[in-house]
Amino acid sequence: MNTSARALGNPPNVRGLVVGLGILALTWELCAWISAGDNSMLVRVGLACAVLGITVYTLNGWRAGFYLLVVAGGLAAQVPRIICLGRDVTTFSDC
């Protein structure tokens, strides 16, 4: 078998190719959102990533997650303002 064909079939190489293509697609989407001026979508995606990270952190250690929940509870009232990029709002429908 050809050496280059064998190297492409190697699982770490295929995984690297898939990760590289995923990063390229993510960069393409982010550039499209920035070009369109849709900054609220970037904030929402960032917030979703933060929530996912906090969820995984909480599932790995419930005590640390509980303390994080107590601290984050004080910030919960500011979430609509953060998502709506600083505008003075009380709900998401006011964005």
C-alpha atoms as a PDB file:
ATOM      1  CA  MET A   1       0.000   0.000   0.000  1.00  0.00           C
ATOM      2  CA  ASN A   2       1.139   3.525  -0.692  1.00  0.00           C
ATOM      3  CA  THR A   3       2.717   5.266   2.327  1.00  0.00           C
ATOM      4  CA  SER A   4       0.711   8.489   1.895  1.00  0.00           C
ATOM      5  CA  ALA A   5      -2.577   6.598   1.634  1.00  0.00           C
ATOM      6  CA  ARG A   6      -1.693   4.642   4.768  1.00  0.00           C
ATOM      7  CA  ALA A   7      -0.791   7.843   6.657  1.00  0.00           C
ATOM      8  CA  LEU A   8      -4.132   9.466   5.827  1.00  0.00           C
ATOM      9  CA  GLY A   9      -6.021   6.478   7.208  1.00  0.00           C
ATOM     10  CA  ASN A  10      -4.238   6.778  10.551  1.00  0.00           C
ATOM     11  CA  PRO A  11      -6.880   7.754  13.173  1.00  0.00           C
ATOM     12  CA  PRO A  12      -4.872  10.643  14.752  1.00  0.00           C
ATOM     13  CA  ASN A  13      -4.390  12.181  11.310  1.00  0.00           C
ATOM     14  CA  VAL A  14      -8.072  11.876  10.478  1.00  0.00           C
ATOM     15  CA  ARG A  15      -8.989  13.352  13.865  1.00  0.00           C
ATOM     16  CA  GLY A  16      -6.618  16.275  13.247  1.00  0.00           C
ATOM     17  CA  LEU A  17      -8.153  16.830   9.826  1.00  0.00           C
ATOM     18  CA  VAL A  18     -11.681  16.854  11.265  1.00  0.00           C
ATOM     19  CA  VAL A  19     -10.694  19.239  14.094  1.00  0.00           C
ATOM     20  CA  GLY A  20      -8.953  21.528  11.610  1.00  0.00           C
ATOM     21  CA  LEU A  21     -11.997  21.622   9.344  1.00  0.00           C
ATOM     22  CA  GLY A  22     -14.231  22.274  12.360  1.00  0.00           C
ATOM     23  CA  ILE A  23     -12.082  25.224  13.437  1.00  0.00           C
ATOM     24  CA  LEU A  24     -12.138  26.545   9.876  1.00  0.00           C
ATOM     25  CA  ALA A  25     -15.955  26.297   9.751  1.00  0.00           C
ATOM     26  CA  LEU A  26     -16.281  27.986  13.154  1.00  0.00           C
ATOM     27  CA  THR A  27     -14.000  30.819  12.047  1.00  0.00           C
ATOM     28  CA  TRP A  28     -16.031  31.224   8.854  1.00  0.00           C
ATOM     29  CA  GLU A  29     -19.290  31.528  10.829  1.00  0.00           C
ATOM     30  CA  LEU A  30     -17.818  33.980  13.334  1.00  0.00           C
ATOM     31  CA  CYS A  31     -16.517  36.160  10.504  1.00  0.00           C
ATOM     32  CA  ALA A  32     -19.952  36.089   8.861  1.00  0.00           C
ATOM     33  CA  TRP A  33     -21.647  37.175  12.117  1.00  0.00           C
ATOM     34  CA  ILE A  34     -19.146  39.988  12.657  1.00  0.00           C
ATOM     35  CA  SER A  35     -19.472  41.161   9.047  1.00  0.00           C
ATOM     36  CA  ALA A  36     -23.265  41.171   9.317  1.00  0.00           C
ATOM     37  CA  GLY A  37     -23.078  43.257  12.495  1.00  0.00           C
ATOM     38  CA  ASP A  38     -24.874  40.565  14.502  1.00  0.00           C
ATOM     39  CA  ASN A  39     -22.956  41.045  17.755  1.00  0.00           C
ATOM     40  CA  SER A  40     -25.819  39.835  19.922  1.00  0.00           C
ATOM     41  CA  MET A  41     -25.450  36.377  18.372  1.00  0.00           C
ATOM     42  CA  LEU A  42     -21.767  36.339  19.348  1.00  0.00           C
ATOM     43  CA  VAL A  43     -22.686  37.252  22.912  1.00  0.00           C
ATOM     44  CA  ARG A  44     -25.337  34.534  23.033  1.00  0.00           C
ATOM     45  CA  VAL A  45     -22.940  31.881  21.705  1.00  0.00           C
ATOM     46  CA  GLY A  46     -20.342  32.976  24.264  1.00  0.00           C
ATOM     47  CA  LEU A  47     -22.923  32.795  27.014  1.00  0.00           C
ATOM     48  CA  ALA A  48     -23.993  29.331  25.873  1.00  0.00           C
ATOM     49  CA  CYS A  49     -20.363  28.161  25.994  1.00  0.00           C
ATOM     50  CA  ALA A  50     -20.017  29.606  29.497  1.00  0.00           C
ATOM     51  CA  VAL A  51     -23.191  27.834  30.645  1.00  0.00           C
ATOM     52  CA  LEU A  52     -21.943  24.565  29.167  1.00  0.00           C
ATOM     53  CA  GLY A  53     -18.605  24.973  30.956  1.00  0.00           C
ATOM     54  CA  ILE A  54     -20.299  25.743  34.265  1.00  0.00           C
ATOM     55  CA  THR A  55     -22.572  22.716  33.821  1.00  0.00           C
ATOM     56  CA  VAL A  56     -19.627  20.385  33.251  1.00  0.00           C
ATOM     57  CA  TYR A  57     -17.799  21.957  36.213  1.00  0.00           C
ATOM     58  CA  THR A  58     -20.845  21.411  38.418  1.00  0.00           C
ATOM     59  CA  LEU A  59     -21.276  17.812  37.299  1.00  0.00           C
ATOM     60  CA  ASN A  60     -17.630  17.061  38.137  1.00  0.00           C
ATOM     61  CA  GLY A  61     -17.903  18.438  41.673  1.00  0.00           C
ATOM     62  CA  TRP A  62     -21.288  19.395  43.050  1.00  0.00           C
ATOM     63  CA  ARG A  63     -19.958  21.403  46.022  1.00  0.00           C
ATOM     64  CA  ALA A  64     -17.880  23.729  43.878  1.00  0.00           C
ATOM     65  CA  GLY A  65     -20.806  23.973  41.460  1.00  0.00           C
ATOM     66  CA  PHE A  66     -23.132  24.882  44.306  1.00  0.00           C
ATOM     67  CA  TYR A  67     -20.850  27.695  45.465  1.00  0.00           C
ATOM     68  CA  LEU A  68     -20.591  28.907  41.886  1.00  0.00           C
ATOM     69  CA  LEU A  69     -24.401  28.885  41.683  1.00  0.00           C
ATOM     70  CA  VAL A  70     -24.647  30.999  44.839  1.00  0.00           C
ATOM     71  CA  VAL A  71     -22.195  33.552  43.447  1.00  0.00           C
ATOM     72  CA  ALA A  72     -23.807  33.543  39.995  1.00  0.00           C
ATOM     73  CA  GLY A  73     -27.251  34.014  41.564  1.00  0.00           C
ATOM     74  CA  GLY A  74     -26.356  37.609  42.313  1.00  0.00           C
ATOM     75  CA  LEU A  75     -25.506  38.171  38.652  1.00  0.00           C
ATOM     76  CA  ALA A  76     -28.708  36.613  37.304  1.00  0.00           C
ATOM     77  CA  ALA A  77     -30.577  39.915  37.228  1.00  0.00           C
ATOM     78  CA  GLN A  78     -27.910  41.349  34.887  1.00  0.00           C
ATOM     79  CA  VAL A  79     -28.191  38.639  32.215  1.00  0.00           C
ATOM     80  CA  PRO A  80     -30.730  40.467  29.975  1.00  0.00           C
ATOM     81  CA  ARG A  81     -28.587  43.600  30.098  1.00  0.00           C
ATOM     82  CA  ILE A  82     -25.467  41.605  29.165  1.00  0.00           C
ATOM     83  CA  ILE A  83     -27.203  39.816  26.289  1.00  0.00           C
ATOM     84  CA  CYS A  84     -28.693  43.049  24.960  1.00  0.00           C
ATOM     85  CA  LEU A  85     -25.242  44.674  24.939  1.00  0.00           C
ATOM     86  CA  GLY A  86     -25.694  47.077  27.826  1.00  0.00           C
ATOM     87  CA  ARG A  87     -29.094  48.499  26.940  1.00  0.00           C
ATOM     88  CA  ASP A  88     -31.373  49.137  29.900  1.00  0.00           C
ATOM     89  CA  VAL A  89     -33.798  46.220  29.610  1.00  0.00           C
ATOM     90  CA  THR A  90     -35.618  43.957  32.024  1.00  0.00           C
ATOM     91  CA  THR A  91     -36.527  41.055  29.708  1.00  0.00           C
ATOM     92  CA  PHE A  92     -35.175  39.530  26.521  1.00  0.00           C
ATOM     93  CA  SER A  93     -38.156  40.741  24.525  1.00  0.00           C
ATOM     94  CA  ASP A  94     -36.998  44.347  25.069  1.00  0.00           C
ATOM     95  CA  CYS A  95     -33.771  43.736  23.080  1.00  0.00           C
END
